[in-house]
Amino acid sequence: MELPDQIELITKCNHTETIFETRVGKPELSIGKYEGHLYQEFAEDMPQAERVKHLLSAWKNTYSFWPTEESLAAMLLDCGFKSADKLQEQQVPDGELRVTYRAAP
């Protein structure tokens, strides 16, 4: 997801305990106060008919923003959660880090 979509979704969830499972990124760029990197979901010229075959990728956006773990925790608090606790961390085969957080109102 792109950053504005992430903010919108997190804010919609801030009234209830929510589990967030996502990959976190390297601090390669800043968007506003959040650091992370852009992950390319598809080739920019890939037709929509091909994109829908990639079930684990975004359908709408070519790039997704992967915040750093610190920015993810800050984002959860900035969007209205009162606490954000890491439940799990997993190194995935491509070298990236996948984390699971529990955020509570």
PDB file of N, CA and C in Angstrom:
ATOM      1  N   MET A   1       0.834  -1.180   0.000  1.00  0.00           N
ATOM      2  CA  MET A   1       0.000   0.000   0.000  1.00  0.00           C
ATOM      3  C   MET A   1       0.880   1.246   0.000  1.00  0.00           C
ATOM      4  N   GLU A   2       0.348   2.263  -0.575  1.00  0.00           N
ATOM      5  CA  GLU A   2       1.025   3.548  -0.510  1.00  0.00           C
ATOM      6  C   GLU A   2       0.761   4.156   0.871  1.00  0.00           C
ATOM      7  N   LEU A   3       1.625   5.064   1.300  1.00  0.00           N
ATOM      8  CA  LEU A   3       1.537   5.624   2.646  1.00  0.00           C
ATOM      9  C   LEU A   3       0.169   6.235   2.969  1.00  0.00           C
ATOM     10  N   PRO A   4      -0.433   7.055   2.104  1.00  0.00           N
ATOM     11  CA  PRO A   4      -1.742   7.615   2.451  1.00  0.00           C
ATOM     12  C   PRO A   4      -2.809   6.531   2.700  1.00  0.00           C
ATOM     13  N   ASP A   5      -2.755   5.451   1.940  1.00  0.00           N
ATOM     14  CA  ASP A   5      -3.698   4.353   2.147  1.00  0.00           C
ATOM     15  C   ASP A   5      -3.433   3.648   3.473  1.00  0.00           C
ATOM     16  N   GLN A   6      -2.161   3.513   3.848  1.00  0.00           N
ATOM     17  CA  GLN A   6      -1.827   2.905   5.133  1.00  0.00           C
ATOM     18  C   GLN A   6      -2.380   3.738   6.285  1.00  0.00           C
ATOM     19  N   ILE A   7      -2.166   5.055   6.216  1.00  0.00           N
ATOM     20  CA  ILE A   7      -2.654   5.960   7.258  1.00  0.00           C
ATOM     21  C   ILE A   7      -4.174   5.860   7.376  1.00  0.00           C
ATOM     22  N   GLU A   8      -4.856   5.862   6.247  1.00  0.00           N
ATOM     23  CA  GLU A   8      -6.319   5.782   6.251  1.00  0.00           C
ATOM     24  C   GLU A   8      -6.799   4.474   6.887  1.00  0.00           C
ATOM     25  N   LEU A   9      -6.201   3.361   6.517  1.00  0.00           N
ATOM     26  CA  LEU A   9      -6.614   2.073   7.062  1.00  0.00           C
ATOM     27  C   LEU A   9      -6.329   1.978   8.557  1.00  0.00           C
ATOM     28  N   ILE A  10      -5.141   2.380   8.977  1.00  0.00           N
ATOM     29  CA  ILE A  10      -4.800   2.320  10.396  1.00  0.00           C
ATOM     30  C   ILE A  10      -5.742   3.191  11.212  1.00  0.00           C
ATOM     31  N   THR A  11      -6.041   4.374  10.721  1.00  0.00           N
ATOM     32  CA  THR A  11      -6.946   5.280  11.434  1.00  0.00           C
ATOM     33  C   THR A  11      -8.347   4.684  11.563  1.00  0.00           C
ATOM     34  N   LYS A  12      -8.811   3.987  10.541  1.00  0.00           N
ATOM     35  CA  LYS A  12     -10.134   3.350  10.603  1.00  0.00           C
ATOM     36  C   LYS A  12     -10.195   2.252  11.668  1.00  0.00           C
ATOM     37  N   CYS A  13      -9.052   1.688  12.025  1.00  0.00           N
ATOM     38  CA  CYS A  13      -8.997   0.575  12.981  1.00  0.00           C
ATOM     39  C   CYS A  13      -8.733   1.021  14.412  1.00  0.00           C
ATOM     40  N   ASN A  14      -8.474   2.304  14.653  1.00  0.00           N
ATOM     41  CA  ASN A  14      -7.946   2.738  15.943  1.00  0.00           C
ATOM     42  C   ASN A  14      -8.912   2.643  17.121  1.00  0.00           C
ATOM     43  N   HIS A  15     -10.130   2.231  16.879  1.00  0.00           N
ATOM     44  CA  HIS A  15     -11.111   2.105  17.961  1.00  0.00           C
ATOM     45  C   HIS A  15     -11.155   0.698  18.564  1.00  0.00           C
ATOM     46  N   THR A  16     -10.391  -0.224  18.008  1.00  0.00           N
ATOM     47  CA  THR A  16     -10.425  -1.610  18.476  1.00  0.00           C
ATOM     48  C   THR A  16      -9.022  -2.212  18.432  1.00  0.00           C
ATOM     49  N   GLU A  17      -8.777  -3.192  19.280  1.00  0.00           N
ATOM     50  CA  GLU A  17      -7.479  -3.867  19.235  1.00  0.00           C
ATOM     51  C   GLU A  17      -7.297  -4.479  17.852  1.00  0.00           C
ATOM     52  N   THR A  18      -6.130  -4.270  17.264  1.00  0.00           N
ATOM     53  CA  THR A  18      -5.889  -4.688  15.891  1.00  0.00           C
ATOM     54  C   THR A  18      -4.504  -5.318  15.773  1.00  0.00           C
ATOM     55  N   ILE A  19      -4.425  -6.380  14.983  1.00  0.00           N
ATOM     56  CA  ILE A  19      -3.157  -7.036  14.699  1.00  0.00           C
ATOM     57  C   ILE A  19      -2.687  -6.573  13.317  1.00  0.00           C
ATOM     58  N   PHE A  20      -1.457  -6.101  13.248  1.00  0.00           N
ATOM     59  CA  PHE A  20      -0.845  -5.674  11.995  1.00  0.00           C
ATOM     60  C   PHE A  20       0.327  -6.598  11.706  1.00  0.00           C
ATOM     61  N   GLU A  21       0.302  -7.240  10.562  1.00  0.00           N
ATOM     62  CA  GLU A  21       1.379  -8.119  10.128  1.00  0.00           C
ATOM     63  C   GLU A  21       1.878  -7.570   8.802  1.00  0.00           C
ATOM     64  N   THR A  22       3.146  -7.202   8.768  1.00  0.00           N
ATOM     65  CA  THR A  22       3.670  -6.542   7.571  1.00  0.00           C
ATOM     66  C   THR A  22       5.179  -6.689   7.490  1.00  0.00           C
ATOM     67  N   ARG A  23       5.705  -6.350   6.362  1.00  0.00           N
ATOM     68  CA  ARG A  23       7.153  -6.250   6.215  1.00  0.00           C
ATOM     69  C   ARG A  23       7.567  -4.837   6.581  1.00  0.00           C
ATOM     70  N   VAL A  24       8.772  -4.718   7.085  1.00  0.00           N
ATOM     71  CA  VAL A  24       9.311  -3.393   7.377  1.00  0.00           C
ATOM     72  C   VAL A  24      10.504  -3.148   6.465  1.00  0.00           C
ATOM     73  N   GLY A  25      10.764  -1.874   6.224  1.00  0.00           N
ATOM     74  CA  GLY A  25      11.764  -1.515   5.233  1.00  0.00           C
ATOM     75  C   GLY A  25      13.034  -0.933   5.818  1.00  0.00           C
ATOM     76  N   LYS A  26      13.928  -0.644   4.926  1.00  0.00           N
ATOM     77  CA  LYS A  26      15.194   0.009   5.257  1.00  0.00           C
ATOM     78  C   LYS A  26      14.980   1.525   5.195  1.00  0.00           C
ATOM     79  N   PRO A  27      15.751   2.291   5.945  1.00  0.00           N
ATOM     80  CA  PRO A  27      15.568   3.757   5.933  1.00  0.00           C
ATOM     81  C   PRO A  27      16.225   4.410   4.718  1.00  0.00           C
ATOM     82  N   GLU A  28      15.614   4.217   3.556  1.00  0.00           N
ATOM     83  CA  GLU A  28      16.180   4.758   2.315  1.00  0.00           C
ATOM     84  C   GLU A  28      15.586   6.097   1.909  1.00  0.00           C
ATOM     85  N   LEU A  29      14.384   6.400   2.389  1.00  0.00           N
ATOM     86  CA  LEU A  29      13.755   7.673   2.051  1.00  0.00           C
ATOM     87  C   LEU A  29      12.801   8.076   3.151  1.00  0.00           C
ATOM     88  N   SER A  30      12.455   9.349   3.163  1.00  0.00           N
ATOM     89  CA  SER A  30      11.485   9.872   4.120  1.00  0.00           C
ATOM     90  C   SER A  30      10.288  10.395   3.354  1.00  0.00           C
ATOM     91  N   ILE A  31       9.108  10.062   3.864  1.00  0.00           N
ATOM     92  CA  ILE A  31       7.866  10.648   3.364  1.00  0.00           C
ATOM     93  C   ILE A  31       7.228  11.298   4.581  1.00  0.00           C
ATOM     94  N   GLY A  32       7.277  12.623   4.616  1.00  0.00           N
ATOM     95  CA  GLY A  32       6.847  13.315   5.822  1.00  0.00           C
ATOM     96  C   GLY A  32       7.759  12.901   6.964  1.00  0.00           C
ATOM     97  N   LYS A  33       7.171  12.471   8.075  1.00  0.00           N
ATOM     98  CA  LYS A  33       7.967  12.083   9.243  1.00  0.00           C
ATOM     99  C   LYS A  33       8.334  10.608   9.263  1.00  0.00           C
ATOM    100  N   TYR A  34       7.900   9.845   8.257  1.00  0.00           N
ATOM    101  CA  TYR A  34       8.123   8.402   8.258  1.00  0.00           C
ATOM    102  C   TYR A  34       9.244   8.018   7.299  1.00  0.00           C
ATOM    103  N   GLU A  35      10.082   7.092   7.765  1.00  0.00           N
ATOM    104  CA  GLU A  35      11.177   6.581   6.940  1.00  0.00           C
ATOM    105  C   GLU A  35      10.867   5.163   6.496  1.00  0.00           C
ATOM    106  N   GLY A  36      11.441   4.773   5.379  1.00  0.00           N
ATOM    107  CA  GLY A  36      11.250   3.424   4.877  1.00  0.00           C
ATOM    108  C   GLY A  36      11.799   3.328   3.472  1.00  0.00           C
ATOM    109  N   HIS A  37      11.237   2.412   2.710  1.00  0.00           N
ATOM    110  CA  HIS A  37      11.620   2.329   1.307  1.00  0.00           C
ATOM    111  C   HIS A  37      10.428   1.918   0.455  1.00  0.00           C
ATOM    112  N   LEU A  38      10.562   2.164  -0.832  1.00  0.00           N
ATOM    113  CA  LEU A  38       9.511   1.790  -1.771  1.00  0.00           C
ATOM    114  C   LEU A  38       9.821   0.409  -2.321  1.00  0.00           C
ATOM    115  N   TYR A  39       8.834  -0.451  -2.251  1.00  0.00           N
ATOM    116  CA  TYR A  39       8.960  -1.803  -2.782  1.00  0.00           C
ATOM    117  C   TYR A  39       8.163  -1.858  -4.080  1.00  0.00           C
ATOM    118  N   GLN A  40       8.797  -2.286  -5.166  1.00  0.00           N
ATOM    119  CA  GLN A  40       8.109  -2.360  -6.449  1.00  0.00           C
ATOM    120  C   GLN A  40       7.308  -3.650  -6.531  1.00  0.00           C
ATOM    121  N   GLU A  41       5.988  -3.514  -6.582  1.00  0.00           N
ATOM    122  CA  GLU A  41       5.084  -4.662  -6.657  1.00  0.00           C
ATOM    123  C   GLU A  41       5.070  -5.281  -8.056  1.00  0.00           C
ATOM    124  N   PHE A  42       5.128  -4.436  -9.073  1.00  0.00           N
ATOM    125  CA  PHE A  42       5.018  -4.856 -10.471  1.00  0.00           C
ATOM    126  C   PHE A  42       5.918  -4.004 -11.338  1.00  0.00           C
ATOM    127  N   ALA A  43       6.178  -4.488 -12.536  1.00  0.00           N
ATOM    128  CA  ALA A  43       6.791  -3.627 -13.542  1.00  0.00           C
ATOM    129  C   ALA A  43       5.793  -2.518 -13.861  1.00  0.00           C
ATOM    130  N   GLU A  44       6.284  -1.330 -14.067  1.00  0.00           N
ATOM    131  CA  GLU A  44       5.389  -0.189 -14.281  1.00  0.00           C
ATOM    132  C   GLU A  44       4.474  -0.369 -15.476  1.00  0.00           C
ATOM    133  N   ASP A  45       4.900  -1.117 -16.472  1.00  0.00           N
ATOM    134  CA  ASP A  45       4.093  -1.291 -17.673  1.00  0.00           C
ATOM    135  C   ASP A  45       3.285  -2.595 -17.679  1.00  0.00           C
ATOM    136  N   MET A  46       3.225  -3.314 -16.548  1.00  0.00           N
ATOM    137  CA  MET A  46       2.475  -4.574 -16.503  1.00  0.00           C
ATOM    138  C   MET A  46       0.977  -4.293 -16.630  1.00  0.00           C
ATOM    139  N   PRO A  47       0.286  -4.930 -17.559  1.00  0.00           N
ATOM    140  CA  PRO A  47      -1.157  -4.717 -17.720  1.00  0.00           C
ATOM    141  C   PRO A  47      -1.937  -5.231 -16.498  1.00  0.00           C
ATOM    142  N   GLN A  48      -3.080  -4.629 -16.254  1.00  0.00           N
ATOM    143  CA  GLN A  48      -3.927  -5.018 -15.126  1.00  0.00           C
ATOM    144  C   GLN A  48      -4.299  -6.500 -15.182  1.00  0.00           C
ATOM    145  N   ALA A  49      -4.509  -7.025 -16.370  1.00  0.00           N
ATOM    146  CA  ALA A  49      -4.862  -8.444 -16.512  1.00  0.00           C
ATOM    147  C   ALA A  49      -3.762  -9.354 -15.973  1.00  0.00           C
ATOM    148  N   GLU A  50      -2.519  -8.912 -16.053  1.00  0.00           N
ATOM    149  CA  GLU A  50      -1.403  -9.681 -15.494  1.00  0.00           C
ATOM    150  C   GLU A  50      -1.272  -9.461 -13.991  1.00  0.00           C
ATOM    151  N   ARG A  51      -1.543  -8.236 -13.542  1.00  0.00           N
ATOM    152  CA  ARG A  51      -1.404  -7.914 -12.114  1.00  0.00           C
ATOM    153  C   ARG A  51      -2.308  -8.788 -11.245  1.00  0.00           C
ATOM    154  N   VAL A  52      -3.510  -9.053 -11.707  1.00  0.00           N
ATOM    155  CA  VAL A  52      -4.454  -9.813 -10.880  1.00  0.00           C
ATOM    156  C   VAL A  52      -4.019 -11.262 -10.679  1.00  0.00           C
ATOM    157  N   LYS A  53      -3.058 -11.721 -11.450  1.00  0.00           N
ATOM    158  CA  LYS A  53      -2.542 -13.078 -11.277  1.00  0.00           C
ATOM    159  C   LYS A  53      -1.558 -13.175 -10.108  1.00  0.00           C
ATOM    160  N   HIS A  54      -1.081 -12.035  -9.632  1.00  0.00           N
ATOM    161  CA  HIS A  54      -0.133 -11.986  -8.519  1.00  0.00           C
ATOM    162  C   HIS A  54      -0.919 -11.747  -7.226  1.00  0.00           C
ATOM    163  N   LEU A  55      -1.436 -12.805  -6.647  1.00  0.00           N
ATOM    164  CA  LEU A  55      -2.382 -12.695  -5.542  1.00  0.00           C
ATOM    165  C   LEU A  55      -1.784 -12.115  -4.270  1.00  0.00           C
ATOM    166  N   LEU A  56      -0.491 -12.180  -4.078  1.00  0.00           N
ATOM    167  CA  LEU A  56       0.118 -11.664  -2.859  1.00  0.00           C
ATOM    168  C   LEU A  56       0.680 -10.261  -3.022  1.00  0.00           C
ATOM    169  N   SER A  57       0.424  -9.632  -4.151  1.00  0.00           N
ATOM    170  CA  SER A  57       0.893  -8.272  -4.399  1.00  0.00           C
ATOM    171  C   SER A  57      -0.286  -7.313  -4.402  1.00  0.00           C
ATOM    172  N   ALA A  58       0.037  -6.044  -4.286  1.00  0.00           N
ATOM    173  CA  ALA A  58      -0.999  -5.021  -4.399  1.00  0.00           C
ATOM    174  C   ALA A  58      -1.549  -5.032  -5.824  1.00  0.00           C
ATOM    175  N   TRP A  59      -2.784  -4.667  -5.980  1.00  0.00           N
ATOM    176  CA  TRP A  59      -3.377  -4.628  -7.327  1.00  0.00           C
ATOM    177  C   TRP A  59      -3.367  -3.223  -7.901  1.00  0.00           C
ATOM    178  N   LYS A  60      -3.540  -2.241  -7.038  1.00  0.00           N
ATOM    179  CA  LYS A  60      -3.730  -0.879  -7.505  1.00  0.00           C
ATOM    180  C   LYS A  60      -2.411  -0.139  -7.727  1.00  0.00           C
ATOM    181  N   ASN A  61      -1.501  -0.277  -6.815  1.00  0.00           N
ATOM    182  CA  ASN A  61      -0.295   0.533  -6.877  1.00  0.00           C
ATOM    183  C   ASN A  61       0.911  -0.274  -7.352  1.00  0.00           C
ATOM    184  N   THR A  62       1.763   0.387  -8.100  1.00  0.00           N
ATOM    185  CA  THR A  62       2.986  -0.238  -8.595  1.00  0.00           C
ATOM    186  C   THR A  62       4.015  -0.359  -7.475  1.00  0.00           C
ATOM    187  N   TYR A  63       4.041   0.629  -6.574  1.00  0.00           N
ATOM    188  CA  TYR A  63       4.980   0.644  -5.455  1.00  0.00           C
ATOM    189  C   TYR A  63       4.224   0.659  -4.134  1.00  0.00           C
ATOM    190  N   SER A  64       4.793  -0.002  -3.137  1.00  0.00           N
ATOM    191  CA  SER A  64       4.272   0.053  -1.775  1.00  0.00           C
ATOM    192  C   SER A  64       5.337   0.673  -0.887  1.00  0.00           C
ATOM    193  N   PHE A  65       4.882   1.420   0.105  1.00  0.00           N
ATOM    194  CA  PHE A  65       5.797   1.996   1.091  1.00  0.00           C
ATOM    195  C   PHE A  65       5.945   1.020   2.239  1.00  0.00           C
ATOM    196  N   TRP A  66       7.172   0.595   2.494  1.00  0.00           N
ATOM    197  CA  TRP A  66       7.475  -0.263   3.633  1.00  0.00           C
ATOM    198  C   TRP A  66       8.176   0.604   4.671  1.00  0.00           C
ATOM    199  N   PRO A  67       7.466   0.986   5.749  1.00  0.00           N
ATOM    200  CA  PRO A  67       8.099   1.830   6.764  1.00  0.00           C
ATOM    201  C   PRO A  67       9.152   1.047   7.547  1.00  0.00           C
ATOM    202  N   THR A  68      10.095   1.767   8.123  1.00  0.00           N
ATOM    203  CA  THR A  68      11.004   1.119   9.067  1.00  0.00           C
ATOM    204  C   THR A  68      10.171   0.676  10.263  1.00  0.00           C
ATOM    205  N   GLU A  69      10.731  -0.187  11.073  1.00  0.00           N
ATOM    206  CA  GLU A  69       9.982  -0.644  12.250  1.00  0.00           C
ATOM    207  C   GLU A  69       9.671   0.521  13.189  1.00  0.00           C
ATOM    208  N   GLU A  70      10.608   1.430  13.349  1.00  0.00           N
ATOM    209  CA  GLU A  70      10.383   2.603  14.197  1.00  0.00           C
ATOM    210  C   GLU A  70       9.262   3.474  13.634  1.00  0.00           C
ATOM    211  N   SER A  71       9.242   3.655  12.322  1.00  0.00           N
ATOM    212  CA  SER A  71       8.183   4.458  11.701  1.00  0.00           C
ATOM    213  C   SER A  71       6.839   3.758  11.776  1.00  0.00           C
ATOM    214  N   LEU A  72       6.816   2.434  11.661  1.00  0.00           N
ATOM    215  CA  LEU A  72       5.564   1.700  11.805  1.00  0.00           C
ATOM    216  C   LEU A  72       4.979   1.914  13.196  1.00  0.00           C
ATOM    217  N   ALA A  73       5.799   1.766  14.227  1.00  0.00           N
ATOM    218  CA  ALA A  73       5.316   1.968  15.599  1.00  0.00           C
ATOM    219  C   ALA A  73       4.823   3.403  15.791  1.00  0.00           C
ATOM    220  N   ALA A  74       5.558   4.380  15.256  1.00  0.00           N
ATOM    221  CA  ALA A  74       5.132   5.778  15.354  1.00  0.00           C
ATOM    222  C   ALA A  74       3.823   6.007  14.616  1.00  0.00           C
ATOM    223  N   MET A  75       3.681   5.392  13.444  1.00  0.00           N
ATOM    224  CA  MET A  75       2.467   5.537  12.646  1.00  0.00           C
ATOM    225  C   MET A  75       1.241   5.021  13.408  1.00  0.00           C
ATOM    226  N   LEU A  76       1.387   3.882  14.076  1.00  0.00           N
ATOM    227  CA  LEU A  76       0.271   3.320  14.840  1.00  0.00           C
ATOM    228  C   LEU A  76      -0.162   4.288  15.940  1.00  0.00           C
ATOM    229  N   LEU A  77       0.807   4.877  16.638  1.00  0.00           N
ATOM    230  CA  LEU A  77       0.477   5.840  17.696  1.00  0.00           C
ATOM    231  C   LEU A  77      -0.079   7.136  17.106  1.00  0.00           C
ATOM    232  N   ASP A  78       0.506   7.616  16.016  1.00  0.00           N
ATOM    233  CA  ASP A  78       0.035   8.850  15.376  1.00  0.00           C
ATOM    234  C   ASP A  78      -1.399   8.713  14.861  1.00  0.00           C
ATOM    235  N   CYS A  79      -1.797   7.506  14.510  1.00  0.00           N
ATOM    236  CA  CYS A  79      -3.146   7.277  13.964  1.00  0.00           C
ATOM    237  C   CYS A  79      -4.176   7.005  15.053  1.00  0.00           C
ATOM    238  N   GLY A  80      -3.799   7.156  16.316  1.00  0.00           N
ATOM    239  CA  GLY A  80      -4.788   7.104  17.385  1.00  0.00           C
ATOM    240  C   GLY A  80      -4.727   5.923  18.326  1.00  0.00           C
ATOM    241  N   PHE A  81      -3.836   4.972  18.072  1.00  0.00           N
ATOM    242  CA  PHE A  81      -3.696   3.876  19.028  1.00  0.00           C
ATOM    243  C   PHE A  81      -2.907   4.383  20.236  1.00  0.00           C
ATOM    244  N   LYS A  82      -3.206   3.830  21.406  1.00  0.00           N
ATOM    245  CA  LYS A  82      -2.520   4.239  22.635  1.00  0.00           C
ATOM    246  C   LYS A  82      -1.275   3.411  22.899  1.00  0.00           C
ATOM    247  N   SER A  83      -1.240   2.180  22.364  1.00  0.00           N
ATOM    248  CA  SER A  83      -0.051   1.347  22.539  1.00  0.00           C
ATOM    249  C   SER A  83       0.137   0.479  21.302  1.00  0.00           C
ATOM    250  N   ALA A  84       1.383   0.103  21.089  1.00  0.00           N
ATOM    251  CA  ALA A  84       1.745  -0.768  19.960  1.00  0.00           C
ATOM    252  C   ALA A  84       2.856  -1.690  20.443  1.00  0.00           C
ATOM    253  N   ASP A  85       2.563  -2.981  20.497  1.00  0.00           N
ATOM    254  CA  ASP A  85       3.519  -3.956  21.021  1.00  0.00           C
ATOM    255  C   ASP A  85       3.881  -4.975  19.949  1.00  0.00           C
ATOM    256  N   LYS A  86       5.177  -5.216  19.797  1.00  0.00           N
ATOM    257  CA  LYS A  86       5.626  -6.219  18.830  1.00  0.00           C
ATOM    258  C   LYS A  86       5.378  -7.606  19.406  1.00  0.00           C
ATOM    259  N   LEU A  87       4.699  -8.445  18.628  1.00  0.00           N
ATOM    260  CA  LEU A  87       4.416  -9.816  19.037  1.00  0.00           C
ATOM    261  C   LEU A  87       5.397 -10.808  18.424  1.00  0.00           C
ATOM    262  N   GLN A  88       5.818 -10.528  17.203  1.00  0.00           N
ATOM    263  CA  GLN A  88       6.653 -11.497  16.493  1.00  0.00           C
ATOM    264  C   GLN A  88       7.514 -10.777  15.461  1.00  0.00           C
ATOM    265  N   GLU A  89       8.667 -11.382  15.195  1.00  0.00           N
ATOM    266  CA  GLU A  89       9.584 -10.895  14.175  1.00  0.00           C
ATOM    267  C   GLU A  89      10.080 -12.115  13.420  1.00  0.00           C
ATOM    268  N   GLN A  90      10.105 -12.019  12.100  1.00  0.00           N
ATOM    269  CA  GLN A  90      10.536 -13.156  11.292  1.00  0.00           C
ATOM    270  C   GLN A  90      11.383 -12.671  10.128  1.00  0.00           C
ATOM    271  N   GLN A  91      12.555 -13.245   9.991  1.00  0.00           N
ATOM    272  CA  GLN A  91      13.394 -12.976   8.828  1.00  0.00           C
ATOM    273  C   GLN A  91      12.863 -13.850   7.698  1.00  0.00           C
ATOM    274  N   VAL A  92      12.531 -13.240   6.569  1.00  0.00           N
ATOM    275  CA  VAL A  92      11.986 -14.007   5.454  1.00  0.00           C
ATOM    276  C   VAL A  92      13.114 -14.317   4.465  1.00  0.00           C
ATOM    277  N   PRO A  93      12.912 -15.327   3.602  1.00  0.00           N
ATOM    278  CA  PRO A  93      13.998 -15.795   2.731  1.00  0.00           C
ATOM    279  C   PRO A  93      14.661 -14.732   1.862  1.00  0.00           C
ATOM    280  N   ASP A  94      13.926 -13.686   1.482  1.00  0.00           N
ATOM    281  CA  ASP A  94      14.542 -12.661   0.627  1.00  0.00           C
ATOM    282  C   ASP A  94      15.372 -11.654   1.419  1.00  0.00           C
ATOM    283  N   GLY A  95      15.526 -11.892   2.730  1.00  0.00           N
ATOM    284  CA  GLY A  95      16.346 -11.024   3.557  1.00  0.00           C
ATOM    285  C   GLY A  95      15.588  -9.906   4.237  1.00  0.00           C
ATOM    286  N   GLU A  96      14.326  -9.730   3.892  1.00  0.00           N
ATOM    287  CA  GLU A  96      13.513  -8.690   4.517  1.00  0.00           C
ATOM    288  C   GLU A  96      13.002  -9.178   5.878  1.00  0.00           C
ATOM    289  N   LEU A  97      12.468  -8.258   6.650  1.00  0.00           N
ATOM    290  CA  LEU A  97      11.952  -8.561   7.978  1.00  0.00           C
ATOM    291  C   LEU A  97      10.440  -8.396   7.999  1.00  0.00           C
ATOM    292  N   ARG A  98       9.756  -9.393   8.509  1.00  0.00           N
ATOM    293  CA  ARG A  98       8.306  -9.357   8.672  1.00  0.00           C
ATOM    294  C   ARG A  98       8.021  -9.259  10.172  1.00  0.00           C
ATOM    295  N   VAL A  99       7.135  -8.341  10.552  1.00  0.00           N
ATOM    296  CA  VAL A  99       6.801  -8.153  11.963  1.00  0.00           C
ATOM    297  C   VAL A  99       5.296  -8.230  12.167  1.00  0.00           C
ATOM    298  N   THR A 100       4.929  -8.589  13.382  1.00  0.00           N
ATOM    299  CA  THR A 100       3.527  -8.582  13.791  1.00  0.00           C
ATOM    300  C   THR A 100       3.406  -7.712  15.027  1.00  0.00           C
ATOM    301  N   TYR A 101       2.509  -6.730  14.960  1.00  0.00           N
ATOM    302  CA  TYR A 101       2.254  -5.826  16.076  1.00  0.00           C
ATOM    303  C   TYR A 101       0.808  -5.923  16.520  1.00  0.00           C
ATOM    304  N   ARG A 102       0.593  -5.752  17.813  1.00  0.00           N
ATOM    305  CA  ARG A 102      -0.750  -5.616  18.369  1.00  0.00           C
ATOM    306  C   ARG A 102      -0.879  -4.159  18.810  1.00  0.00           C
ATOM    307  N   ALA A 103      -1.872  -3.484  18.265  1.00  0.00           N
ATOM    308  CA  ALA A 103      -2.126  -2.091  18.615  1.00  0.00           C
ATOM    309  C   ALA A 103      -3.444  -2.019  19.369  1.00  0.00           C
ATOM    310  N   ALA A 104      -3.451  -1.253  20.449  1.00  0.00           N
ATOM    311  CA  ALA A 104      -4.649  -1.165  21.288  1.00  0.00           C
ATOM    312  C   ALA A 104      -5.077   0.293  21.438  1.00  0.00           C
ATOM    313  N   PRO A 105      -6.398   0.510  21.495  1.00  0.00           N
ATOM    314  CA  PRO A 105      -6.918   1.876  21.661  1.00  0.00           C
ATOM    315  C   PRO A 105      -6.706   2.401  23.078  1.00  0.00           C
TER     316      PRO A 105
END
